[in-house]
């Protein structure tokens, strides 16, 4: 028994000692029955919120209107909810009112049968009013009661259905799946932040390709990133992309990612070719081209991620990866100074990972990727961008006028330093005087 479970069980024990029923509920029961370690524990009880608060003075009634109290249990926060039935859902998110009820009635208001199971922490007895255990055994995701009604109550359940099916590797029961597809347009009615968070949970999971397929086939993806629909049927030059159109290529790239990925990496895979449909042309030789799709794609990516209200940090990293992804074809011709500046970018490793799956998802050639890996090893013994040999104060002391020109001159010197041509301050000053003497010293001496 983990410490978190012990602490949550102690909360339930205190409720029982006061004369109230108290069970573990929801995802923690589901995960435990699947042999997984629950991330947190929720308790359902017949105690009213005010009675819970009286028993646990350090608790916080964060959702008292819905019968929810958060109880501090050491380092954990245990959500304690009173058994209830929900009234009407006018906003597709929360009930207008709740009525305190019994465990049987409480189970009926929950989303899926596998999330409607209770467990007695004291005896480990499973209390199942909705057939959740049978669906767990069959690996089937089934809405409780009328599926359409469950999704109309809370539209986010549409995304949760896909997430559970993808992450657990289960099938969605036919009536439930039909309701997901029928109710998919309602996803647009809820806040993009809630949708975004579920979307990212799906994309970060190793089963992300199945998640994408379910989002696509259900119609939910068009509510989240409608721009991706145009990737389907957008043909690519077969000599470089024998795998098929841009959608097939993007989906294949997702399948080639490692199990653990960053948010910017998975987003850059999804969006790196988002502008190909808009830039699709055929030249005079009959070859398909997508000129400028990296630049336009970076702008579109920024627009999409801002619409989804991602943080600036995630937006900037993803946009940079999309903007730079075509640069890899030129790495062997780059000057060392330019290469080092690029490799010093804080998200370069993610850009490398994007390039790797981009290649593996089409022509399969990794020569530029391997070239950059060798360069990373070559530069590993010293900073890619070492401390500068000269500063602005050094240049002004040497007779150069204060102003914007100082920055350009420092860049010239740093280029030579990164190329290995200059290694000392004295050599850098001498080189600069020869190449660009101060205006105040026409002789260049």
Protein backbone atom coordinates (compact mmCIF):
# COMPACT_ATOMS: atom_id res chain seq x y z
CA UNK A 1 0.00 0.00 0.00
CA UNK A 2 1.44 3.35 -1.03
CA UNK A 3 1.66 6.28 1.35
CA UNK A 4 -0.83 8.26 -0.74
CA UNK A 5 -3.35 5.43 -0.49
CA UNK A 6 -2.77 5.16 3.26
CA UNK A 7 -3.38 8.87 3.74
CA UNK A 8 -6.55 8.78 1.63
CA UNK A 9 -7.74 5.66 3.46
CA UNK A 10 -7.21 7.51 6.75
CA UNK A 11 -9.50 10.29 5.50
CA UNK A 12 -12.18 7.70 4.66
CA UNK A 13 -11.65 5.98 8.03
CA UNK A 14 -12.27 9.23 9.90
CA UNK A 15 -15.52 9.73 7.98
CA UNK A 16 -16.61 6.18 8.79
CA UNK A 17 -15.72 6.64 12.45
CA UNK A 18 -18.09 9.62 12.47
CA UNK A 19 -20.88 7.39 11.15
CA UNK A 20 -20.70 8.12 7.40
CA UNK A 21 -20.19 5.79 4.46
CA UNK A 22 -16.96 6.61 2.63
CA UNK A 23 -15.56 4.90 -0.46
CA UNK A 24 -12.75 5.41 -2.92
CA UNK A 25 -14.33 6.54 -6.20
CA UNK A 26 -13.60 7.11 -9.85
CA UNK A 27 -10.23 6.88 -11.55
CA UNK A 28 -8.30 5.64 -8.53
CA UNK A 29 -10.53 2.55 -8.32
CA UNK A 30 -10.29 1.99 -12.08
CA UNK A 31 -6.50 2.22 -12.07
CA UNK A 32 -6.09 0.02 -9.00
CA UNK A 33 -8.27 -2.69 -10.56
CA UNK A 34 -6.13 -2.46 -13.71
CA UNK A 35 -2.98 -2.93 -11.65
CA UNK A 36 -1.86 0.65 -12.21
CA UNK A 37 -0.70 3.11 -9.57
CA UNK A 38 -3.37 5.81 -9.11
CA UNK A 39 -2.10 9.37 -9.44
CA UNK A 40 -4.45 10.53 -6.68
CA UNK A 41 -7.35 9.28 -4.62
CA UNK A 42 -10.90 10.64 -4.48
CA UNK A 43 -13.35 9.81 -1.71
CA UNK A 44 -17.15 9.71 -2.07
CA UNK A 45 -19.20 9.93 1.12
CA UNK A 46 -22.68 10.47 2.48
CA UNK A 47 -21.34 13.24 4.74
CA UNK A 48 -22.50 16.73 3.71
CA UNK A 49 -19.83 19.32 2.88
CA UNK A 50 -20.28 21.16 6.17
CA UNK A 51 -19.87 17.87 8.05
CA UNK A 52 -16.66 17.11 6.13
CA UNK A 53 -15.31 20.57 6.94
CA UNK A 54 -16.17 20.07 10.61
CA UNK A 55 -14.21 16.81 10.69
CA UNK A 56 -11.23 18.25 8.79
CA UNK A 57 -10.59 21.85 9.90
CA UNK A 58 -7.74 22.30 7.39
CA UNK A 59 -10.03 21.41 4.49
CA UNK A 60 -11.21 23.76 1.78
CA UNK A 61 -14.73 23.77 0.32
CA UNK A 62 -13.63 24.43 -3.28
CA UNK A 63 -16.88 23.16 -4.76
CA UNK A 64 -19.30 23.21 -1.89
CA UNK A 65 -22.20 23.93 -4.27
CA UNK A 66 -21.45 20.55 -5.86
CA UNK A 67 -20.67 18.84 -2.57
CA UNK A 68 -16.88 18.86 -3.02
CA UNK A 69 -14.33 19.53 -0.27
CA UNK A 70 -10.55 19.22 -0.58
CA UNK A 71 -8.97 17.69 2.51
CA UNK A 72 -5.30 18.11 3.35
CA UNK A 73 -3.74 14.71 4.09
CA UNK A 74 -0.06 15.31 4.70
CA UNK A 75 1.45 16.34 1.35
CA UNK A 76 -1.65 15.12 -0.51
CA UNK A 77 -4.95 16.78 -1.29
CA UNK A 78 -7.86 14.34 -1.18
CA UNK A 79 -11.04 15.41 -2.93
CA UNK A 80 -14.06 14.39 -0.84
CA UNK A 81 -17.41 14.55 -2.63
CA UNK A 82 -20.86 13.94 -1.19
CA UNK A 83 -22.97 11.31 -2.96
CA UNK A 84 -25.26 13.28 -5.26
CA UNK A 85 -27.47 13.41 -8.32
CA UNK A 86 -27.04 16.27 -10.78
CA UNK A 87 -29.70 18.60 -12.09
CA UNK A 88 -29.80 20.02 -15.61
CA UNK A 89 -26.59 21.07 -17.42
CA UNK A 90 -27.32 24.29 -19.25
CA UNK A 91 -23.72 25.23 -20.05
CA UNK A 92 -22.47 21.79 -21.07
CA UNK A 93 -20.06 21.85 -18.17
CA UNK A 94 -21.62 21.94 -14.69
CA UNK A 95 -25.06 21.08 -13.30
CA UNK A 96 -27.32 23.95 -12.34
CA UNK A 97 -28.05 22.26 -9.01
CA UNK A 98 -27.27 19.04 -7.18
CA UNK A 99 -29.25 16.84 -4.79
CA UNK A 100 -27.47 14.75 -2.17
CA UNK A 101 -28.28 11.11 -2.66
CA UNK A 102 -27.08 7.51 -2.34
CA UNK A 103 -24.06 5.64 -3.73
CA UNK A 104 -26.32 3.93 -6.29
CA UNK A 105 -27.64 7.25 -7.59
CA UNK A 106 -24.20 8.86 -7.46
CA UNK A 107 -22.76 6.14 -9.70
CA UNK A 108 -25.43 6.81 -12.33
CA UNK A 109 -24.37 10.46 -12.77
CA UNK A 110 -20.77 9.60 -13.67
CA UNK A 111 -19.39 9.47 -17.22
CA UNK A 112 -18.21 5.93 -18.00
CA UNK A 113 -18.88 2.61 -16.32
CA UNK A 114 -15.21 2.06 -15.53
CA UNK A 115 -15.22 5.38 -13.65
CA UNK A 116 -18.40 4.60 -11.74
CA UNK A 117 -16.98 1.89 -9.48
CA UNK A 118 -16.53 2.38 -5.71
CA UNK A 119 -14.19 0.55 -3.36
CA UNK A 120 -14.25 0.28 0.42
CA UNK A 121 -10.74 1.27 1.56
CA UNK A 122 -11.10 -0.74 4.77
CA UNK A 123 -11.98 -4.09 3.16
CA UNK A 124 -11.06 -3.58 -0.53
CA UNK A 125 -14.63 -4.62 -1.36
CA UNK A 126 -15.65 -3.39 -4.82
CA UNK A 127 -19.08 -1.77 -5.05
CA UNK A 128 -20.22 -1.73 -8.68
CA UNK A 129 -23.71 -0.52 -9.62
CA UNK A 130 -23.00 0.12 -13.31
CA UNK A 131 -21.22 -2.96 -14.68
CA UNK A 132 -17.83 -1.30 -14.66
CA UNK A 133 -15.93 -4.45 -13.69
CA UNK A 134 -17.26 -6.35 -16.70
CA UNK A 135 -16.18 -3.51 -19.01
CA UNK A 136 -12.77 -3.40 -17.36
CA UNK A 137 -12.35 -7.10 -18.07
CA UNK A 138 -13.56 -6.68 -21.67
CA UNK A 139 -11.46 -3.52 -22.20
CA UNK A 140 -14.51 -1.59 -23.35
CA UNK A 141 -15.31 2.07 -22.71
CA UNK A 142 -19.05 2.51 -22.21
CA UNK A 143 -21.01 5.58 -21.17
CA UNK A 144 -23.31 5.15 -18.18
CA UNK A 145 -26.96 5.27 -19.17
CA UNK A 146 -27.81 7.25 -22.32
CA UNK A 147 -24.48 8.16 -24.00
CA UNK A 148 -25.79 11.29 -25.73
CA UNK A 149 -27.17 12.62 -22.43
CA UNK A 150 -23.83 11.99 -20.70
CA UNK A 151 -21.99 13.99 -23.38
CA UNK A 152 -24.53 16.80 -23.39
CA UNK A 153 -24.11 17.18 -19.64
CA UNK A 154 -20.40 17.85 -20.02
CA UNK A 155 -19.01 18.22 -23.55
CA UNK A 156 -15.48 17.60 -22.32
CA UNK A 157 -16.49 13.97 -21.84
CA UNK A 158 -16.15 13.69 -25.62
CA UNK A 159 -12.41 14.30 -25.29
CA UNK A 160 -12.17 12.09 -22.22
CA UNK A 161 -13.74 9.23 -24.18
CA UNK A 162 -10.98 9.48 -26.76
CA UNK A 163 -8.28 9.86 -24.12
CA UNK A 164 -9.36 6.81 -22.14
CA UNK A 165 -9.75 4.70 -25.29
CA UNK A 166 -6.34 5.75 -26.59
CA UNK A 167 -4.32 5.59 -23.39
CA UNK A 168 -5.89 2.34 -22.20
CA UNK A 169 -5.91 0.77 -25.66
CA UNK A 170 -9.62 -0.06 -25.40
CA UNK A 171 -12.50 -0.09 -27.85
CA UNK A 172 -15.32 2.40 -27.46
CA UNK A 173 -18.68 0.61 -27.20
CA UNK A 174 -20.72 1.20 -30.43
CA UNK A 175 -23.54 3.27 -28.93
CA UNK A 176 -21.04 5.39 -27.03
CA UNK A 177 -18.93 5.89 -30.16
CA UNK A 178 -22.00 6.84 -32.20
CA UNK A 179 -22.84 9.46 -29.57
CA UNK A 180 -19.28 10.83 -29.62
CA UNK A 181 -19.53 11.39 -33.37
CA UNK A 182 -23.03 12.84 -33.16
CA UNK A 183 -22.17 15.24 -30.33
CA UNK A 184 -18.66 16.20 -31.56
CA UNK A 185 -19.66 19.72 -32.78
CA UNK A 186 -20.67 20.58 -29.19
CA UNK A 187 -16.99 20.56 -28.21
CA UNK A 188 -16.75 24.08 -29.65
CA UNK A 189 -19.05 25.30 -26.88
CA UNK A 190 -16.60 24.75 -24.04
CA UNK A 191 -13.44 26.67 -23.22
CA UNK A 192 -10.46 25.99 -25.45
CA UNK A 193 -8.26 25.61 -22.36
CA UNK A 194 -10.18 22.52 -21.21
CA UNK A 195 -10.07 21.01 -24.70
CA UNK A 196 -6.38 21.87 -25.09
CA UNK A 197 -5.43 20.14 -21.85
CA UNK A 198 -7.20 16.92 -22.86
CA UNK A 199 -5.70 17.13 -26.35
CA UNK A 200 -2.18 17.40 -24.96
CA UNK A 201 -2.72 14.46 -22.61
CA UNK A 202 -3.62 12.39 -25.67
CA UNK A 203 -0.67 13.62 -27.74
CA UNK A 204 1.87 13.06 -24.96
CA UNK A 205 0.83 9.44 -24.50
CA UNK A 206 2.72 6.71 -26.42
CA UNK A 207 -0.60 5.72 -28.06
CA UNK A 208 -0.84 9.20 -29.60
CA UNK A 209 -1.46 7.87 -33.14
CA UNK A 210 -4.55 5.98 -32.03
CA UNK A 211 -5.62 9.13 -30.21
CA UNK A 212 -5.21 11.20 -33.38
CA UNK A 213 -7.16 8.65 -35.40
CA UNK A 214 -10.03 8.66 -32.90
CA UNK A 215 -10.09 12.47 -32.81
CA UNK A 216 -10.14 12.52 -36.60
CA UNK A 217 -12.78 9.82 -37.14
CA UNK A 218 -15.05 11.27 -34.46
CA UNK A 219 -14.97 14.77 -35.93
CA UNK A 220 -13.41 16.24 -32.79
CA UNK A 221 -10.15 17.16 -34.50
CA UNK A 222 -11.90 19.64 -36.78
CA UNK A 223 -13.13 21.42 -33.66
CA UNK A 224 -9.58 21.66 -32.29
CA UNK A 225 -7.28 22.21 -35.28
CA UNK A 226 -9.52 22.50 -38.37
CA UNK A 227 -6.48 23.42 -40.48
CA UNK A 228 -5.33 19.79 -40.34
CA UNK A 229 -8.23 18.60 -42.49
CA UNK A 230 -6.59 20.14 -45.58
CA UNK A 231 -3.56 17.84 -45.11
CA UNK A 232 -5.67 14.94 -46.37
CA UNK A 233 -5.31 14.53 -50.11
CA UNK A 234 -2.52 17.12 -50.34
CA UNK A 235 -0.19 15.15 -52.58
CA UNK A 236 3.59 15.35 -52.30
CA UNK A 237 6.42 14.63 -54.79
CA UNK A 238 6.57 10.81 -54.85
CA UNK A 239 10.34 10.75 -55.31
CA UNK A 240 10.73 12.26 -51.84
CA UNK A 241 7.47 11.17 -50.22
CA UNK A 242 6.58 7.64 -51.30
CA UNK A 243 4.48 7.27 -48.13
CA UNK A 244 1.61 9.39 -49.48
CA UNK A 245 -0.07 12.71 -48.79
CA UNK A 246 0.73 15.20 -46.04
CA UNK A 247 -1.76 13.66 -43.61
CA UNK A 248 -0.23 10.21 -44.02
CA UNK A 249 3.25 11.70 -43.59
CA UNK A 250 2.27 13.56 -40.41
CA UNK A 251 0.57 10.52 -38.92
CA UNK A 252 3.60 8.35 -39.74
CA UNK A 253 5.91 10.87 -38.06
CA UNK A 254 3.82 10.70 -34.88
CA UNK A 255 4.23 6.93 -34.84
CA UNK A 256 8.04 7.29 -35.05
CA UNK A 257 8.39 9.54 -32.01
CA UNK A 258 9.82 8.08 -28.79
CA UNK A 259 7.38 7.30 -25.99
CA UNK A 260 8.35 10.41 -24.00
CA UNK A 261 8.22 13.71 -25.86
CA UNK A 262 7.99 17.40 -25.03
CA UNK A 263 4.88 19.41 -25.85
CA UNK A 264 6.69 21.57 -28.46
CA UNK A 265 8.07 18.47 -30.18
CA UNK A 266 4.73 16.72 -30.61
CA UNK A 267 3.07 19.99 -31.67
CA UNK A 268 5.81 20.70 -34.20
CA UNK A 269 5.32 17.23 -35.71
CA UNK A 270 1.60 17.89 -36.05
CA UNK A 271 2.06 21.37 -37.51
CA UNK A 272 5.40 21.41 -39.37
CA UNK A 273 3.68 20.94 -42.75
CA UNK A 274 0.46 22.77 -41.90
CA UNK A 275 1.06 25.29 -44.72
CA UNK A 276 1.71 22.74 -47.48
CA UNK A 277 -1.89 22.83 -48.76
CA UNK A 278 -1.73 26.63 -49.02
CA UNK A 279 1.64 26.60 -50.85
CA UNK A 280 1.05 23.58 -53.12
CA UNK A 281 2.14 24.32 -56.70
CA UNK A 282 3.35 22.35 -59.71
CA UNK A 283 6.34 23.78 -61.61
CA UNK A 284 7.03 23.70 -65.34
CA UNK A 285 8.65 20.26 -65.04
CA UNK A 286 5.57 18.81 -63.38
CA UNK A 287 7.17 18.57 -59.94
CA UNK A 288 5.09 19.38 -56.86
CA UNK A 289 6.54 22.17 -54.74
CA UNK A 290 5.69 23.86 -51.45
CA UNK A 291 7.81 27.00 -51.64
CA UNK A 292 7.75 29.00 -48.41
CA UNK A 293 5.68 26.47 -46.47
CA UNK A 294 8.13 26.74 -43.57
CA UNK A 295 7.68 30.51 -43.23
CA UNK A 296 3.92 30.44 -43.68
CA UNK A 297 3.70 27.33 -41.50
CA UNK A 298 5.47 29.13 -38.65
CA UNK A 299 2.94 31.98 -38.85
CA UNK A 300 0.01 29.57 -39.00
CA UNK A 301 1.44 27.58 -36.09
CA UNK A 302 1.66 30.72 -33.99
CA UNK A 303 -1.93 31.61 -34.83
CA UNK A 304 -3.18 28.11 -33.98
CA UNK A 305 -1.33 27.85 -30.68
CA UNK A 306 -2.34 31.34 -29.59
CA UNK A 307 -5.94 30.43 -30.37
CA UNK A 308 -5.50 27.37 -28.14
CA UNK A 309 -3.99 29.63 -25.46
CA UNK A 310 -0.69 27.82 -25.04
CA UNK A 311 2.03 29.54 -23.05
CA UNK A 312 4.44 31.85 -24.87
CA UNK A 313 7.26 29.42 -24.08
CA UNK A 314 5.53 26.55 -25.87
CA UNK A 315 4.42 28.75 -28.76
CA UNK A 316 7.91 30.18 -29.32
CA UNK A 317 9.61 26.77 -29.22
CA UNK A 318 7.08 25.19 -31.60
CA UNK A 319 7.10 28.09 -34.05
CA UNK A 320 10.91 28.03 -34.12
CA UNK A 321 10.94 24.30 -34.92
CA UNK A 322 8.44 24.74 -37.76
CA UNK A 323 10.34 27.73 -39.12
CA UNK A 324 13.70 25.93 -39.10
CA UNK A 325 12.71 22.43 -40.22
CA UNK A 326 13.71 22.95 -43.86
CA UNK A 327 17.13 24.32 -42.87
CA UNK A 328 18.45 20.83 -42.19
CA UNK A 329 18.91 20.10 -45.89
CA UNK A 330 21.64 22.77 -46.03
CA UNK A 331 23.65 21.91 -42.91
CA UNK A 332 26.68 20.55 -44.77
CA UNK A 333 27.11 23.83 -46.65
CA UNK A 334 26.74 26.05 -43.58
CA UNK A 335 29.65 28.04 -42.21
CA UNK A 336 30.74 26.80 -38.81
CA UNK A 337 29.74 30.09 -37.18
CA UNK A 338 26.18 29.87 -38.46
CA UNK A 339 25.95 26.20 -37.53
CA UNK A 340 27.16 26.82 -33.99
CA UNK A 341 24.70 29.65 -33.44
CA UNK A 342 21.85 27.42 -34.56
CA UNK A 343 22.99 24.45 -32.49
CA UNK A 344 23.20 26.68 -29.43
CA UNK A 345 19.45 27.34 -29.57
CA UNK A 346 17.84 25.96 -26.37
CA UNK A 347 15.31 23.87 -28.34
CA UNK A 348 17.78 22.46 -30.88
CA UNK A 349 17.44 18.90 -29.52
CA UNK A 350 13.70 18.98 -30.22
CA UNK A 351 14.41 20.37 -33.68
CA UNK A 352 16.79 17.46 -34.27
CA UNK A 353 14.13 15.01 -33.13
CA UNK A 354 11.63 16.61 -35.52
CA UNK A 355 14.09 16.32 -38.41
CA UNK A 356 14.79 12.67 -37.61
CA UNK A 357 11.15 11.58 -37.79
CA UNK A 358 10.58 13.89 -40.78
CA UNK A 359 13.23 11.93 -42.69
CA UNK A 360 12.14 8.52 -41.44
CA UNK A 361 8.57 9.38 -42.38
CA UNK A 362 9.45 9.86 -46.06
CA UNK A 363 12.75 9.13 -47.86
CA UNK A 364 14.47 7.57 -44.85
CA UNK A 365 17.83 9.30 -45.36
CA UNK A 366 19.48 10.44 -42.12
CA UNK A 367 22.80 11.75 -43.48
CA UNK A 368 22.20 15.34 -42.34
CA UNK A 369 20.96 14.15 -38.95
CA UNK A 370 24.06 12.00 -38.50
CA UNK A 371 26.27 14.90 -39.67
CA UNK A 372 24.81 17.08 -36.92
CA UNK A 373 25.20 14.32 -34.35
CA UNK A 374 28.90 14.19 -35.25
CA UNK A 375 29.14 17.96 -34.93
CA UNK A 376 27.53 17.80 -31.48
CA UNK A 377 30.23 15.34 -30.42
CA UNK A 378 32.92 17.50 -32.00
CA UNK A 379 31.77 20.58 -30.12
CA UNK A 380 31.02 18.72 -26.87
CA UNK A 381 34.32 19.58 -25.14
CA UNK A 382 33.72 23.33 -25.18
CA UNK A 383 30.74 25.68 -25.19
CA UNK A 384 29.16 25.90 -28.62
CA UNK A 385 29.08 29.66 -28.13
CA UNK A 386 32.18 30.56 -26.06
CA UNK A 387 32.56 33.86 -24.18
CA UNK A 388 33.20 36.70 -26.69
CA UNK A 389 36.76 37.83 -27.29
CA UNK A 390 35.71 41.49 -27.41
CA UNK A 391 33.05 43.67 -25.82
CA UNK A 392 31.56 46.98 -26.85
CA UNK A 393 33.75 48.71 -24.30
CA UNK A 394 36.85 47.15 -25.90
CA UNK A 395 35.84 48.52 -29.30
CA UNK A 396 35.13 52.02 -28.02
CA UNK A 397 38.46 52.02 -26.16
CA UNK A 398 40.11 51.10 -29.46
CA UNK A 399 38.58 54.16 -31.16
CA UNK A 400 35.31 52.84 -32.58
CA UNK A 401 32.35 55.18 -32.25
CA UNK A 402 29.43 54.27 -29.98
CA UNK A 403 26.32 53.21 -31.91
CA UNK A 404 24.60 50.37 -33.78
CA UNK A 405 27.78 49.67 -35.78
CA UNK A 406 29.37 48.25 -32.62
CA UNK A 407 26.94 45.31 -32.67
CA UNK A 408 27.72 44.49 -36.29
CA UNK A 409 31.47 44.57 -35.64
CA UNK A 410 31.14 42.31 -32.60
CA UNK A 411 29.22 39.82 -34.74
CA UNK A 412 31.99 39.88 -37.36
CA UNK A 413 34.56 39.11 -34.69
CA UNK A 414 32.41 36.37 -33.16
CA UNK A 415 32.00 34.75 -36.58
CA UNK A 416 35.76 34.47 -36.87
CA UNK A 417 35.97 33.17 -33.30
CA UNK A 418 33.36 30.48 -33.99
CA UNK A 419 35.22 29.52 -37.18
CA UNK A 420 38.36 29.04 -35.06
CA UNK A 421 40.28 31.81 -36.85
CA UNK A 422 40.56 34.06 -33.79
CA UNK A 423 41.43 32.83 -30.31
CA UNK A 424 42.60 35.88 -28.33
CA UNK A 425 41.55 39.45 -27.63
CA UNK A 426 44.75 40.83 -29.14
CA UNK A 427 44.31 38.86 -32.35
CA UNK A 428 40.67 39.92 -32.57
CA UNK A 429 41.52 43.63 -32.25
CA UNK A 430 44.27 43.33 -34.84
CA UNK A 431 41.99 41.53 -37.27
CA UNK A 432 39.19 44.05 -36.82
CA UNK A 433 41.52 47.03 -37.33
CA UNK A 434 42.64 45.45 -40.59
CA UNK A 435 39.16 44.55 -41.82
CA UNK A 436 37.18 47.56 -40.54
CA UNK A 437 39.40 50.31 -39.13
CA UNK A 438 37.81 52.92 -36.84
CA UNK A 439 36.47 55.94 -38.66
CA UNK A 440 38.56 58.15 -36.35
CA UNK A 441 41.72 56.37 -37.55
CA UNK A 442 41.82 56.55 -41.38
CA UNK A 443 45.24 54.87 -41.47
CA UNK A 444 43.88 51.83 -39.67
CA UNK A 445 46.90 51.84 -37.36
